[in-house]
């Protein structure tokens, strides 16, 4: 092989190597570009998915809020009545000191009542919670309950036991008639916006009856 031929072969081999190297580098660059494009697309897709989830969560919350508010509005009076029943069922009696005022103060505090008064059957106050006002009006409500019990109660089962009066100021007066040692008494409370039923005060009567009868509560 002549020197010229050898030179031609070397040139061909060098060209092939250079072409292969250029192809490899081009492939690397194209691969990196493709990977960058895929990464960008993945990040964009993730961002779109996150935005979609956020929008969906907002839409679900928007639809659930009115329903949740309606449920809370319906359950609120029931929960409040349950709270009152629980609170008034666990009063601390102090019968050895006959401290009725302290017991009525407990009822006022636990029931969120503006006033609590214990009346005899003629409507005269025997004890009242602190800051109680308008005793005459409360006495009139208690007396009206006794009158209704006498007029409407032909026997023990039909006699009314409680009376509720609601005024324009959203104040509710509840009077509950009960008997201790054969004497009729009434417990009267005033609440502002607190949902009550005719039997709201029944749990408190246990402690009051024991207090008046001189029975020490456990």
N, C-alpha and C. Protein backbone atom coordinates (compact mmCIF):
# COMPACT_ATOMS: atom_id res chain seq x y z
N UNK A 1 0.89 -1.20 0.00
CA UNK A 1 0.00 0.00 0.00
C UNK A 1 0.90 1.22 0.00
N UNK A 2 0.57 2.10 -0.88
CA UNK A 2 1.40 3.28 -1.02
C UNK A 2 1.12 4.26 0.11
N UNK A 3 1.97 5.19 0.28
CA UNK A 3 1.79 6.20 1.32
C UNK A 3 0.54 7.01 1.12
N UNK A 4 0.16 7.25 -0.10
CA UNK A 4 -1.05 8.03 -0.39
C UNK A 4 -2.29 7.27 0.04
N UNK A 5 -2.26 5.98 -0.21
CA UNK A 5 -3.41 5.15 0.19
C UNK A 5 -3.55 5.09 1.70
N UNK A 6 -2.42 4.93 2.36
CA UNK A 6 -2.43 4.90 3.83
C UNK A 6 -3.00 6.19 4.39
N UNK A 7 -2.58 7.29 3.81
CA UNK A 7 -3.08 8.60 4.25
C UNK A 7 -4.58 8.71 4.05
N UNK A 8 -5.06 8.17 2.95
CA UNK A 8 -6.50 8.22 2.67
C UNK A 8 -7.28 7.42 3.70
N UNK A 9 -6.70 6.22 4.04
CA UNK A 9 -7.36 5.37 5.06
C UNK A 9 -7.41 6.09 6.39
N UNK A 10 -6.31 6.70 6.77
CA UNK A 10 -6.26 7.43 8.06
C UNK A 10 -7.30 8.53 8.09
N UNK A 11 -7.39 9.22 6.96
CA UNK A 11 -8.36 10.33 6.89
C UNK A 11 -9.77 9.80 7.03
N UNK A 12 -10.04 8.66 6.36
CA UNK A 12 -11.39 8.06 6.45
C UNK A 12 -11.72 7.63 7.87
N UNK A 13 -10.73 6.98 8.52
CA UNK A 13 -10.95 6.53 9.92
C UNK A 13 -11.17 7.72 10.83
N UNK A 14 -10.35 8.76 10.67
CA UNK A 14 -10.49 9.95 11.51
C UNK A 14 -11.85 10.60 11.29
N UNK A 15 -12.29 10.62 10.04
CA UNK A 15 -13.61 11.20 9.74
C UNK A 15 -14.73 10.41 10.38
N UNK A 16 -14.58 9.08 10.33
CA UNK A 16 -15.61 8.23 10.95
C UNK A 16 -15.67 8.46 12.44
N UNK A 17 -14.48 8.51 13.08
CA UNK A 17 -14.42 8.74 14.54
C UNK A 17 -15.02 10.09 14.88
N UNK A 18 -14.69 11.11 14.08
CA UNK A 18 -15.22 12.46 14.34
C UNK A 18 -16.73 12.48 14.18
N UNK A 19 -17.21 11.76 13.15
CA UNK A 19 -18.66 11.73 12.93
C UNK A 19 -19.36 11.03 14.08
N UNK A 20 -18.73 9.92 14.52
CA UNK A 20 -19.33 9.19 15.65
C UNK A 20 -19.35 10.05 16.90
N UNK A 21 -18.26 10.76 17.16
CA UNK A 21 -18.20 11.63 18.34
C UNK A 21 -19.22 12.74 18.26
N UNK A 22 -19.35 13.32 17.04
CA UNK A 22 -20.33 14.41 16.87
C UNK A 22 -21.74 13.89 17.09
N UNK A 23 -21.99 12.65 16.56
CA UNK A 23 -23.32 12.06 16.76
C UNK A 23 -23.61 11.80 18.22
N UNK A 24 -22.61 11.32 18.96
CA UNK A 24 -22.79 11.06 20.40
C UNK A 24 -23.10 12.35 21.15
N UNK A 25 -22.30 13.39 20.86
CA UNK A 25 -22.52 14.67 21.54
C UNK A 25 -23.90 15.22 21.20
N UNK A 26 -24.31 15.07 19.91
CA UNK A 26 -25.64 15.54 19.51
C UNK A 26 -26.72 14.77 20.25
N UNK A 27 -26.48 13.44 20.37
CA UNK A 27 -27.46 12.62 21.10
C UNK A 27 -27.56 13.03 22.56
N UNK A 28 -26.42 13.33 23.18
CA UNK A 28 -26.41 13.77 24.58
C UNK A 28 -27.19 15.05 24.73
N UNK A 29 -26.89 16.00 23.78
CA UNK A 29 -27.59 17.28 23.86
C UNK A 29 -29.09 17.11 23.65
N UNK A 30 -29.46 16.28 22.68
CA UNK A 30 -30.88 16.04 22.43
C UNK A 30 -31.54 15.35 23.62
N UNK A 31 -30.83 14.42 24.24
CA UNK A 31 -31.37 13.73 25.42
C UNK A 31 -31.59 14.69 26.59
N UNK A 32 -30.61 15.57 26.80
CA UNK A 32 -30.74 16.55 27.88
C UNK A 32 -31.90 17.49 27.62
N UNK A 33 -32.01 17.89 26.34
CA UNK A 33 -33.12 18.78 25.97
C UNK A 33 -34.46 18.09 26.19
N UNK A 34 -34.51 16.82 25.80
CA UNK A 34 -35.76 16.06 25.97
C UNK A 34 -36.09 15.91 27.46
N UNK A 35 -35.05 15.59 28.26
CA UNK A 35 -35.27 15.44 29.70
C UNK A 35 -35.75 16.75 30.32
N UNK A 36 -35.14 17.87 29.90
CA UNK A 36 -35.58 19.17 30.41
C UNK A 36 -37.02 19.45 30.03
N UNK A 37 -37.36 19.09 28.79
CA UNK A 37 -38.73 19.32 28.34
C UNK A 37 -39.71 18.47 29.13
N UNK A 38 -39.33 17.20 29.35
CA UNK A 38 -40.19 16.31 30.13
C UNK A 38 -40.34 16.82 31.57
N UNK A 39 -39.21 17.30 32.15
CA UNK A 39 -39.26 17.82 33.52
C UNK A 39 -40.15 19.05 33.60
N UNK A 40 -40.02 19.92 32.59
CA UNK A 40 -40.87 21.12 32.56
C UNK A 40 -42.34 20.75 32.43
N UNK A 41 -42.61 19.78 31.54
CA UNK A 41 -44.00 19.34 31.37
C UNK A 41 -44.54 18.73 32.65
N UNK A 42 -43.69 17.92 33.34
CA UNK A 42 -44.12 17.28 34.59
C UNK A 42 -44.41 18.32 35.66
N UNK A 43 -43.52 19.32 35.75
CA UNK A 43 -43.74 20.37 36.75
C UNK A 43 -45.00 21.16 36.44
N UNK A 44 -45.21 21.44 35.15
CA UNK A 44 -46.43 22.17 34.75
C UNK A 44 -47.67 21.35 35.06
N UNK A 45 -47.58 20.04 34.79
CA UNK A 45 -48.72 19.17 35.07
C UNK A 45 -49.00 19.11 36.57
N UNK A 46 -47.93 19.02 37.36
CA UNK A 46 -48.09 18.99 38.81
C UNK A 46 -48.72 20.29 39.33
N UNK A 47 -48.27 21.42 38.75
CA UNK A 47 -48.83 22.71 39.15
C UNK A 47 -50.30 22.79 38.78
N UNK A 48 -50.61 22.30 37.56
CA UNK A 48 -52.02 22.32 37.12
C UNK A 48 -52.87 21.43 38.02
N UNK A 49 -52.32 20.26 38.38
CA UNK A 49 -53.06 19.35 39.25
C UNK A 49 -53.28 19.97 40.63
N UNK A 50 -52.24 20.62 41.17
CA UNK A 50 -52.37 21.26 42.48
C UNK A 50 -53.41 22.38 42.43
N UNK A 51 -53.39 23.16 41.35
CA UNK A 51 -54.37 24.23 41.20
C UNK A 51 -55.78 23.65 41.09
N UNK A 52 -55.89 22.55 40.34
CA UNK A 52 -57.21 21.91 40.19
C UNK A 52 -57.71 21.39 41.53
N UNK A 53 -56.80 20.78 42.31
CA UNK A 53 -57.20 20.29 43.64
C UNK A 53 -57.63 21.43 44.54
N UNK A 54 -56.90 22.54 44.48
CA UNK A 54 -57.25 23.69 45.31
C UNK A 54 -58.61 24.25 44.92
N UNK A 55 -58.85 24.34 43.62
CA UNK A 55 -60.16 24.84 43.16
C UNK A 55 -61.27 23.89 43.57
N UNK A 56 -61.00 22.59 43.47
CA UNK A 56 -62.01 21.60 43.87
C UNK A 56 -62.30 21.69 45.36
N UNK A 57 -61.23 21.86 46.16
CA UNK A 57 -61.41 21.97 47.61
C UNK A 57 -62.24 23.20 47.96
N UNK A 58 -61.96 24.32 47.26
CA UNK A 58 -62.73 25.53 47.50
C UNK A 58 -64.19 25.34 47.13
N UNK A 59 -64.43 24.67 46.04
CA UNK A 59 -65.81 24.44 45.59
C UNK A 59 -66.56 23.53 46.58
N UNK A 60 -65.87 22.48 47.04
CA UNK A 60 -66.49 21.59 48.02
C UNK A 60 -66.80 22.35 49.31
N UNK A 61 -65.83 23.16 49.75
CA UNK A 61 -66.04 23.94 50.97
C UNK A 61 -67.19 24.93 50.80
N UNK A 62 -67.26 25.54 49.59
CA UNK A 62 -68.33 26.50 49.34
C UNK A 62 -69.69 25.83 49.41
N UNK A 63 -69.76 24.62 48.92
CA UNK A 63 -71.03 23.91 48.93
C UNK A 63 -71.35 23.35 50.30
N UNK A 64 -70.30 23.01 51.07
CA UNK A 64 -70.53 22.40 52.39
C UNK A 64 -70.85 23.44 53.46
N UNK A 65 -70.34 24.67 53.30
CA UNK A 65 -70.53 25.68 54.33
C UNK A 65 -72.01 25.94 54.64
N UNK A 66 -72.86 26.17 53.64
CA UNK A 66 -74.28 26.38 53.97
C UNK A 66 -74.91 25.17 54.65
N UNK A 67 -74.52 23.95 54.20
CA UNK A 67 -75.06 22.74 54.81
C UNK A 67 -74.60 22.62 56.26
N UNK A 68 -73.30 22.91 56.49
CA UNK A 68 -72.78 22.84 57.85
C UNK A 68 -73.47 23.87 58.74
N UNK A 69 -73.68 25.06 58.19
CA UNK A 69 -74.36 26.10 58.97
C UNK A 69 -75.79 25.69 59.30
N UNK A 70 -76.47 25.06 58.34
CA UNK A 70 -77.84 24.60 58.59
C UNK A 70 -77.87 23.53 59.66
N UNK A 71 -76.92 22.61 59.61
CA UNK A 71 -76.87 21.54 60.61
C UNK A 71 -76.59 22.11 61.99
N UNK A 72 -75.64 23.05 62.06
CA UNK A 72 -75.33 23.66 63.35
C UNK A 72 -76.51 24.44 63.89
N UNK A 73 -77.25 25.11 62.98
CA UNK A 73 -78.41 25.88 63.41
C UNK A 73 -79.50 24.96 63.97
N UNK A 74 -79.66 23.80 63.35
CA UNK A 74 -80.68 22.86 63.82
C UNK A 74 -80.26 22.21 65.14
N UNK A 75 -78.99 21.86 65.25
CA UNK A 75 -78.51 21.16 66.44
C UNK A 75 -78.26 22.06 67.63
N UNK A 76 -78.04 23.35 67.39
CA UNK A 76 -77.68 24.26 68.48
C UNK A 76 -78.68 24.25 69.64
N UNK A 77 -79.98 24.37 69.40
CA UNK A 77 -80.92 24.33 70.54
C UNK A 77 -80.89 23.01 71.28
N UNK A 78 -80.72 21.90 70.53
CA UNK A 78 -80.66 20.59 71.18
C UNK A 78 -79.43 20.47 72.06
N UNK A 79 -78.29 20.95 71.55
CA UNK A 79 -77.06 20.90 72.33
C UNK A 79 -77.14 21.79 73.56
N UNK A 80 -77.77 22.96 73.41
CA UNK A 80 -77.91 23.87 74.54
C UNK A 80 -78.82 23.27 75.60
N UNK A 81 -79.90 22.64 75.19
CA UNK A 81 -80.78 22.00 76.17
C UNK A 81 -80.07 20.87 76.90
N UNK A 82 -79.25 20.11 76.15
CA UNK A 82 -78.48 19.04 76.78
C UNK A 82 -77.47 19.61 77.78
N UNK A 83 -76.86 20.74 77.39
CA UNK A 83 -75.90 21.37 78.32
C UNK A 83 -76.60 21.83 79.59
N UNK A 84 -77.77 22.47 79.44
CA UNK A 84 -78.52 22.93 80.60
C UNK A 84 -78.90 21.77 81.51
N UNK A 85 -79.38 20.70 80.90
CA UNK A 85 -79.78 19.53 81.69
C UNK A 85 -78.60 18.99 82.49
N UNK A 86 -77.43 18.91 81.84
CA UNK A 86 -76.24 18.40 82.51
C UNK A 86 -75.78 19.33 83.63
N UNK A 87 -75.76 20.63 83.35
CA UNK A 87 -75.29 21.60 84.34
C UNK A 87 -76.22 21.64 85.57
N UNK A 88 -77.52 21.65 85.33
CA UNK A 88 -78.47 21.77 86.44
C UNK A 88 -78.65 20.46 87.20
N UNK A 89 -78.11 19.39 86.66
CA UNK A 89 -78.19 18.10 87.35
C UNK A 89 -77.04 17.90 88.33
N UNK A 90 -76.07 18.79 88.30
CA UNK A 90 -74.89 18.61 89.16
C UNK A 90 -74.62 19.88 89.97
N UNK A 91 -75.61 20.29 90.72
CA UNK A 91 -75.46 21.44 91.62
C UNK A 91 -74.86 20.98 92.94
N UNK A 92 -74.14 21.88 93.58
CA UNK A 92 -73.52 21.57 94.87
C UNK A 92 -74.41 22.06 96.00
N UNK A 93 -75.12 21.13 96.66
CA UNK A 93 -75.99 21.51 97.76
C UNK A 93 -75.23 21.82 99.03
N UNK A 94 -75.75 22.74 99.83
CA UNK A 94 -75.15 23.10 101.11
C UNK A 94 -76.27 23.19 102.15
N UNK A 95 -76.99 22.07 102.32
CA UNK A 95 -78.20 22.09 103.14
C UNK A 95 -77.92 22.34 104.61
N UNK A 96 -76.71 22.03 105.08
CA UNK A 96 -76.43 22.23 106.50
C UNK A 96 -76.45 23.71 106.85
N UNK A 97 -76.21 24.59 105.85
CA UNK A 97 -76.24 26.03 106.10
C UNK A 97 -77.52 26.68 105.56
N UNK A 98 -78.35 25.88 104.87
CA UNK A 98 -79.57 26.42 104.27
C UNK A 98 -79.29 27.68 103.45
N UNK A 99 -78.21 27.62 102.69
CA UNK A 99 -77.82 28.79 101.90
C UNK A 99 -78.50 28.73 100.54
N UNK A 100 -79.77 29.11 100.49
CA UNK A 100 -80.52 29.05 99.24
C UNK A 100 -79.98 30.02 98.20
N UNK A 101 -79.51 31.17 98.65
CA UNK A 101 -79.00 32.16 97.70
C UNK A 101 -77.82 31.61 96.91
N UNK A 102 -76.92 30.91 97.61
CA UNK A 102 -75.76 30.33 96.92
C UNK A 102 -76.21 29.29 95.89
N UNK A 103 -77.22 28.51 96.24
CA UNK A 103 -77.72 27.50 95.30
C UNK A 103 -78.38 28.16 94.09
N UNK A 104 -79.14 29.22 94.32
CA UNK A 104 -79.77 29.92 93.20
C UNK A 104 -78.72 30.62 92.33
N UNK A 105 -77.66 31.10 92.96
CA UNK A 105 -76.56 31.70 92.18
C UNK A 105 -75.92 30.65 91.26
N UNK A 106 -75.78 29.43 91.76
CA UNK A 106 -75.24 28.35 90.91
C UNK A 106 -76.14 28.10 89.71
N UNK A 107 -77.44 28.04 89.97
CA UNK A 107 -78.39 27.82 88.88
C UNK A 107 -78.28 28.94 87.85
N UNK A 108 -78.18 30.18 88.33
CA UNK A 108 -78.07 31.32 87.42
C UNK A 108 -76.79 31.24 86.59
N UNK A 109 -75.69 30.86 87.23
CA UNK A 109 -74.41 30.81 86.54
C UNK A 109 -74.38 29.67 85.51
N UNK A 110 -74.80 28.51 85.91
CA UNK A 110 -74.72 27.35 85.03
C UNK A 110 -75.76 27.39 83.92
N UNK A 111 -76.88 28.03 84.17
CA UNK A 111 -77.91 28.11 83.15
C UNK A 111 -77.87 29.38 82.33
N UNK A 112 -76.92 30.28 82.65
CA UNK A 112 -76.85 31.59 81.98
C UNK A 112 -78.17 32.35 82.12
N UNK A 113 -78.74 32.30 83.33
CA UNK A 113 -79.99 32.99 83.60
C UNK A 113 -79.70 34.36 84.20
N UNK A 114 -80.50 35.34 83.79
CA UNK A 114 -80.32 36.69 84.32
C UNK A 114 -80.89 36.80 85.73
N UNK A 115 -81.84 35.96 86.08
CA UNK A 115 -82.45 35.99 87.40
C UNK A 115 -82.99 34.61 87.75
N UNK A 116 -82.91 34.27 89.04
CA UNK A 116 -83.48 33.02 89.55
C UNK A 116 -84.13 33.35 90.89
N UNK A 117 -85.42 33.03 91.01
CA UNK A 117 -86.16 33.36 92.24
C UNK A 117 -86.96 32.15 92.70
N UNK A 118 -86.97 31.94 94.00
CA UNK A 118 -87.80 30.90 94.62
C UNK A 118 -88.98 31.60 95.29
N UNK A 119 -90.21 31.23 94.91
CA UNK A 119 -91.42 31.85 95.45
C UNK A 119 -92.23 30.85 96.26
N UNK A 120 -93.01 31.38 97.21
CA UNK A 120 -94.03 30.54 97.85
C UNK A 120 -95.27 30.54 96.97
N UNK A 121 -96.32 29.85 97.39
CA UNK A 121 -97.48 29.71 96.50
C UNK A 121 -98.27 31.01 96.36
N UNK A 122 -98.00 32.00 97.18
CA UNK A 122 -98.65 33.29 97.05
C UNK A 122 -97.85 34.26 96.18
N UNK A 123 -96.71 33.81 95.68
CA UNK A 123 -95.89 34.65 94.82
C UNK A 123 -94.88 35.50 95.56
N UNK A 124 -94.71 35.27 96.87
CA UNK A 124 -93.72 36.04 97.62
C UNK A 124 -92.34 35.40 97.48
N UNK A 125 -91.31 36.20 97.25
CA UNK A 125 -89.96 35.63 97.07
C UNK A 125 -89.38 35.13 98.38
N UNK A 126 -88.85 33.92 98.36
CA UNK A 126 -88.17 33.34 99.51
C UNK A 126 -86.65 33.50 99.40
N UNK A 127 -86.14 33.50 98.19
CA UNK A 127 -84.71 33.70 97.94
C UNK A 127 -84.54 34.04 96.47
N UNK A 128 -83.44 34.74 96.17
CA UNK A 128 -83.18 35.14 94.78
C UNK A 128 -81.68 35.17 94.53
N UNK A 129 -81.32 34.95 93.29
CA UNK A 129 -79.91 35.02 92.90
C UNK A 129 -79.45 36.47 92.89
N UNK A 130 -78.15 36.64 92.89
CA UNK A 130 -77.58 37.99 92.90
C UNK A 130 -77.99 38.75 91.64
N UNK A 131 -78.17 40.05 91.77
CA UNK A 131 -78.51 40.95 90.65
C UNK A 131 -79.89 40.70 90.04
N UNK A 132 -80.73 39.98 90.77
CA UNK A 132 -82.09 39.77 90.27
C UNK A 132 -82.87 41.07 90.37
N UNK A 133 -83.59 41.41 89.29
CA UNK A 133 -84.38 42.64 89.25
C UNK A 133 -85.84 42.31 88.93
N UNK A 134 -86.70 43.31 89.14
CA UNK A 134 -88.11 43.20 88.78
C UNK A 134 -88.79 42.02 89.48
N UNK A 135 -88.65 41.98 90.80
CA UNK A 135 -89.23 40.89 91.57
C UNK A 135 -90.75 40.86 91.47
N UNK A 136 -91.36 42.03 91.33
CA UNK A 136 -92.83 42.07 91.25
C UNK A 136 -93.33 41.33 90.01
N UNK A 137 -92.68 41.58 88.87
CA UNK A 137 -93.11 40.92 87.64
C UNK A 137 -92.89 39.41 87.73
N UNK A 138 -91.77 39.01 88.30
CA UNK A 138 -91.48 37.58 88.43
C UNK A 138 -92.46 36.93 89.41
N UNK A 139 -92.81 37.68 90.47
CA UNK A 139 -93.79 37.17 91.42
C UNK A 139 -95.16 37.02 90.77
N UNK A 140 -95.49 37.94 89.87
CA UNK A 140 -96.77 37.86 89.17
C UNK A 140 -96.82 36.63 88.26
N UNK A 141 -95.69 36.32 87.61
CA UNK A 141 -95.63 35.13 86.76
C UNK A 141 -95.81 33.87 87.60
N UNK A 142 -95.15 33.83 88.75
CA UNK A 142 -95.26 32.67 89.63
C UNK A 142 -96.69 32.52 90.15
N UNK A 143 -97.30 33.63 90.51
CA UNK A 143 -98.69 33.60 91.01
C UNK A 143 -99.65 33.14 89.92
N UNK A 144 -99.40 33.58 88.68
CA UNK A 144 -100.25 33.17 87.57
C UNK A 144 -100.17 31.66 87.36
N UNK A 145 -99.00 31.09 87.53
CA UNK A 145 -98.85 29.65 87.39
C UNK A 145 -99.67 28.92 88.45
N UNK A 146 -99.62 29.40 89.68
CA UNK A 146 -100.40 28.77 90.76
C UNK A 146 -101.90 28.89 90.45
N UNK A 147 -102.31 30.06 89.95
CA UNK A 147 -103.71 30.27 89.61
C UNK A 147 -104.16 29.32 88.51
N UNK A 148 -103.33 29.17 87.49
CA UNK A 148 -103.65 28.24 86.40
C UNK A 148 -103.72 26.81 86.91
N UNK A 149 -102.80 26.46 87.80
CA UNK A 149 -102.82 25.11 88.36
C UNK A 149 -104.11 24.86 89.12
N UNK A 150 -104.60 25.87 89.85
CA UNK A 150 -105.85 25.72 90.61
C UNK A 150 -107.06 25.67 89.68
N UNK A 151 -107.05 26.49 88.62
CA UNK A 151 -108.21 26.58 87.74
C UNK A 151 -108.28 25.44 86.73
N UNK A 152 -107.12 25.04 86.22
CA UNK A 152 -107.11 24.06 85.14
C UNK A 152 -106.85 22.63 85.62
N UNK A 153 -106.30 22.50 86.78
CA UNK A 153 -105.95 21.18 87.26
C UNK A 153 -107.07 20.54 88.07
N UNK A 154 -107.88 19.75 87.39
CA UNK A 154 -108.96 19.07 88.10
C UNK A 154 -108.41 17.96 88.98
N UNK A 155 -107.28 17.42 88.61
CA UNK A 155 -106.61 16.43 89.44
C UNK A 155 -105.10 16.62 89.27
N UNK A 156 -104.35 15.79 89.97
CA UNK A 156 -102.90 15.97 89.99
C UNK A 156 -102.28 15.80 88.60
N UNK A 157 -102.86 14.93 87.79
CA UNK A 157 -102.26 14.64 86.49
C UNK A 157 -102.49 15.75 85.47
N UNK A 158 -103.55 16.51 85.60
CA UNK A 158 -103.86 17.54 84.61
C UNK A 158 -103.42 18.94 85.02
N UNK A 159 -103.00 19.09 86.27
CA UNK A 159 -102.58 20.42 86.74
C UNK A 159 -101.30 20.86 86.02
N UNK A 160 -101.26 22.08 85.48
CA UNK A 160 -100.02 22.57 84.82
C UNK A 160 -98.90 22.73 85.84
N UNK A 161 -97.70 22.39 85.42
CA UNK A 161 -96.53 22.46 86.29
C UNK A 161 -95.58 23.59 85.93
N UNK A 162 -95.70 24.12 84.72
CA UNK A 162 -94.77 25.19 84.33
C UNK A 162 -95.47 26.18 83.42
N UNK A 163 -94.89 27.38 83.38
CA UNK A 163 -95.42 28.46 82.55
C UNK A 163 -94.26 29.22 81.95
N UNK A 164 -94.31 29.42 80.62
CA UNK A 164 -93.27 30.18 79.92
C UNK A 164 -93.87 31.43 79.32
N UNK A 165 -93.19 32.56 79.51
CA UNK A 165 -93.64 33.85 78.98
C UNK A 165 -92.48 34.46 78.20
N UNK A 166 -92.73 34.81 76.94
CA UNK A 166 -91.70 35.38 76.07
C UNK A 166 -92.10 36.80 75.69
N UNK A 167 -91.15 37.75 75.80
CA UNK A 167 -91.49 39.14 75.47
C UNK A 167 -90.74 39.62 74.23
N UNK A 168 -91.03 40.86 73.84
CA UNK A 168 -90.46 41.42 72.61
C UNK A 168 -88.96 41.63 72.70
N UNK A 169 -88.42 41.68 73.91
CA UNK A 169 -86.98 41.87 74.09
C UNK A 169 -86.22 40.54 74.02
N UNK A 170 -86.90 39.47 73.59
CA UNK A 170 -86.31 38.14 73.48
C UNK A 170 -85.90 37.59 74.84
N UNK A 171 -86.63 37.98 75.88
CA UNK A 171 -86.43 37.43 77.22
C UNK A 171 -87.53 36.42 77.51
N UNK A 172 -87.13 35.28 78.01
CA UNK A 172 -88.10 34.23 78.34
C UNK A 172 -88.10 34.02 79.85
N UNK A 173 -89.29 34.06 80.44
CA UNK A 173 -89.46 33.79 81.86
C UNK A 173 -90.11 32.42 82.00
N UNK A 174 -89.48 31.55 82.75
CA UNK A 174 -89.99 30.20 82.98
C UNK A 174 -90.21 30.00 84.47
N UNK A 175 -91.42 29.60 84.82
CA UNK A 175 -91.76 29.33 86.22
C UNK A 175 -92.16 27.87 86.34
N UNK A 176 -91.58 27.18 87.32
CA UNK A 176 -91.84 25.74 87.51
C UNK A 176 -92.40 25.50 88.91
N UNK A 177 -93.57 24.91 88.97
CA UNK A 177 -94.24 24.63 90.24
C UNK A 177 -93.83 23.26 90.77
N UNK A 178 -93.56 23.19 92.07
CA UNK A 178 -93.21 21.91 92.68
C UNK A 178 -93.63 21.94 94.15
N UNK A 179 -93.54 20.81 94.81
CA UNK A 179 -94.02 20.69 96.19
C UNK A 179 -92.93 20.11 97.08
N UNK A 180 -92.76 20.72 98.25
CA UNK A 180 -91.81 20.23 99.24
C UNK A 180 -92.53 20.16 100.58
N UNK A 181 -92.59 18.96 101.16
CA UNK A 181 -93.26 18.75 102.45
C UNK A 181 -94.69 19.29 102.44
N UNK A 182 -95.38 19.07 101.33
CA UNK A 182 -96.77 19.49 101.22
C UNK A 182 -96.97 20.96 100.92
N UNK A 183 -95.90 21.73 100.77
CA UNK A 183 -96.01 23.16 100.48
C UNK A 183 -95.66 23.41 99.01
N UNK A 184 -96.56 24.11 98.32
CA UNK A 184 -96.29 24.44 96.92
C UNK A 184 -95.33 25.62 96.82
N UNK A 185 -94.32 25.45 95.97
CA UNK A 185 -93.32 26.49 95.72
C UNK A 185 -93.14 26.58 94.21
N UNK A 186 -92.50 27.65 93.78
CA UNK A 186 -92.19 27.79 92.36
C UNK A 186 -90.79 28.35 92.18
N UNK A 187 -90.10 27.83 91.20
CA UNK A 187 -88.77 28.32 90.82
C UNK A 187 -88.94 29.06 89.50
N UNK A 188 -88.54 30.33 89.49
CA UNK A 188 -88.73 31.18 88.31
C UNK A 188 -87.39 31.71 87.83
N UNK A 189 -87.14 31.62 86.53
CA UNK A 189 -85.87 32.10 85.96
C UNK A 189 -86.16 32.99 84.76
N UNK A 190 -85.20 33.83 84.45
CA UNK A 190 -85.27 34.70 83.27
C UNK A 190 -84.04 34.43 82.42
N UNK A 191 -84.27 34.16 81.13
CA UNK A 191 -83.16 33.89 80.20
C UNK A 191 -83.27 34.82 79.00
N UNK A 192 -82.12 35.24 78.50
CA UNK A 192 -82.07 36.10 77.31
C UNK A 192 -81.54 35.30 76.14
N UNK A 193 -82.44 34.78 75.31
CA UNK A 193 -82.02 34.05 74.13
C UNK A 193 -81.68 32.59 74.37
N UNK A 194 -81.65 32.13 75.61
CA UNK A 194 -81.35 30.73 75.89
C UNK A 194 -82.56 29.87 75.57
N UNK A 195 -82.41 28.87 74.71
CA UNK A 195 -83.57 28.02 74.38
C UNK A 195 -83.97 27.18 75.59
N UNK A 196 -85.23 27.24 75.97
CA UNK A 196 -85.72 26.48 77.11
C UNK A 196 -86.99 25.72 76.73
N UNK A 197 -87.30 24.72 77.52
CA UNK A 197 -88.55 23.98 77.39
C UNK A 197 -89.24 24.03 78.75
N UNK A 198 -90.50 23.62 78.82
CA UNK A 198 -91.18 23.62 80.13
C UNK A 198 -90.49 22.77 81.19
N UNK A 199 -89.65 21.83 80.78
CA UNK A 199 -88.98 20.95 81.75
C UNK A 199 -87.52 21.31 81.98
N UNK A 200 -87.08 22.46 81.49
CA UNK A 200 -85.67 22.84 81.62
C UNK A 200 -85.20 22.85 83.07
N UNK A 201 -86.05 23.30 84.00
CA UNK A 201 -85.64 23.46 85.40
C UNK A 201 -85.78 22.18 86.21
N UNK A 202 -86.35 21.14 85.64
CA UNK A 202 -86.58 19.91 86.41
C UNK A 202 -85.33 19.34 87.06
N UNK A 203 -84.16 19.30 86.36
CA UNK A 203 -82.97 18.75 87.03
C UNK A 203 -82.57 19.54 88.27
N UNK A 204 -82.80 20.84 88.28
CA UNK A 204 -82.41 21.67 89.43
C UNK A 204 -83.32 21.45 90.64
N UNK A 205 -84.54 20.96 90.40
CA UNK A 205 -85.49 20.77 91.50
C UNK A 205 -85.01 19.73 92.49
N UNK A 206 -84.22 18.78 92.04
CA UNK A 206 -83.71 17.74 92.94
C UNK A 206 -82.86 18.37 94.04
N UNK A 207 -81.93 19.24 93.65
CA UNK A 207 -81.06 19.88 94.63
C UNK A 207 -81.83 20.86 95.51
N UNK A 208 -82.76 21.61 94.91
CA UNK A 208 -83.53 22.58 95.69
C UNK A 208 -84.43 21.87 96.70
N UNK A 209 -85.08 20.80 96.27
CA UNK A 209 -85.94 20.05 97.18
C UNK A 209 -85.14 19.48 98.34
N UNK A 210 -83.96 18.93 98.03
CA UNK A 210 -83.10 18.40 99.08
C UNK A 210 -82.63 19.51 100.02
N UNK A 211 -82.32 20.67 99.47
CA UNK A 211 -81.87 21.80 100.27
C UNK A 211 -82.97 22.23 101.24
N UNK A 212 -84.18 22.33 100.73
CA UNK A 212 -85.29 22.77 101.56
C UNK A 212 -85.70 21.70 102.58
N UNK A 213 -85.52 20.45 102.22
CA UNK A 213 -85.89 19.36 103.12
C UNK A 213 -84.78 19.02 104.11
N UNK A 214 -83.64 19.68 103.95
CA UNK A 214 -82.54 19.44 104.88
C UNK A 214 -81.77 18.17 104.59
N UNK A 215 -81.80 17.71 103.34
CA UNK A 215 -81.09 16.48 102.98
C UNK A 215 -79.74 16.88 102.37
N UNK A 216 -78.66 16.40 102.96
CA UNK A 216 -77.34 16.71 102.45
C UNK A 216 -77.08 15.95 101.18
N UNK A 217 -76.68 16.68 100.13
CA UNK A 217 -76.42 16.06 98.86
C UNK A 217 -75.02 15.45 98.84
N UNK A 218 -74.94 14.30 98.21
CA UNK A 218 -73.64 13.63 98.11
C UNK A 218 -72.76 14.39 97.14
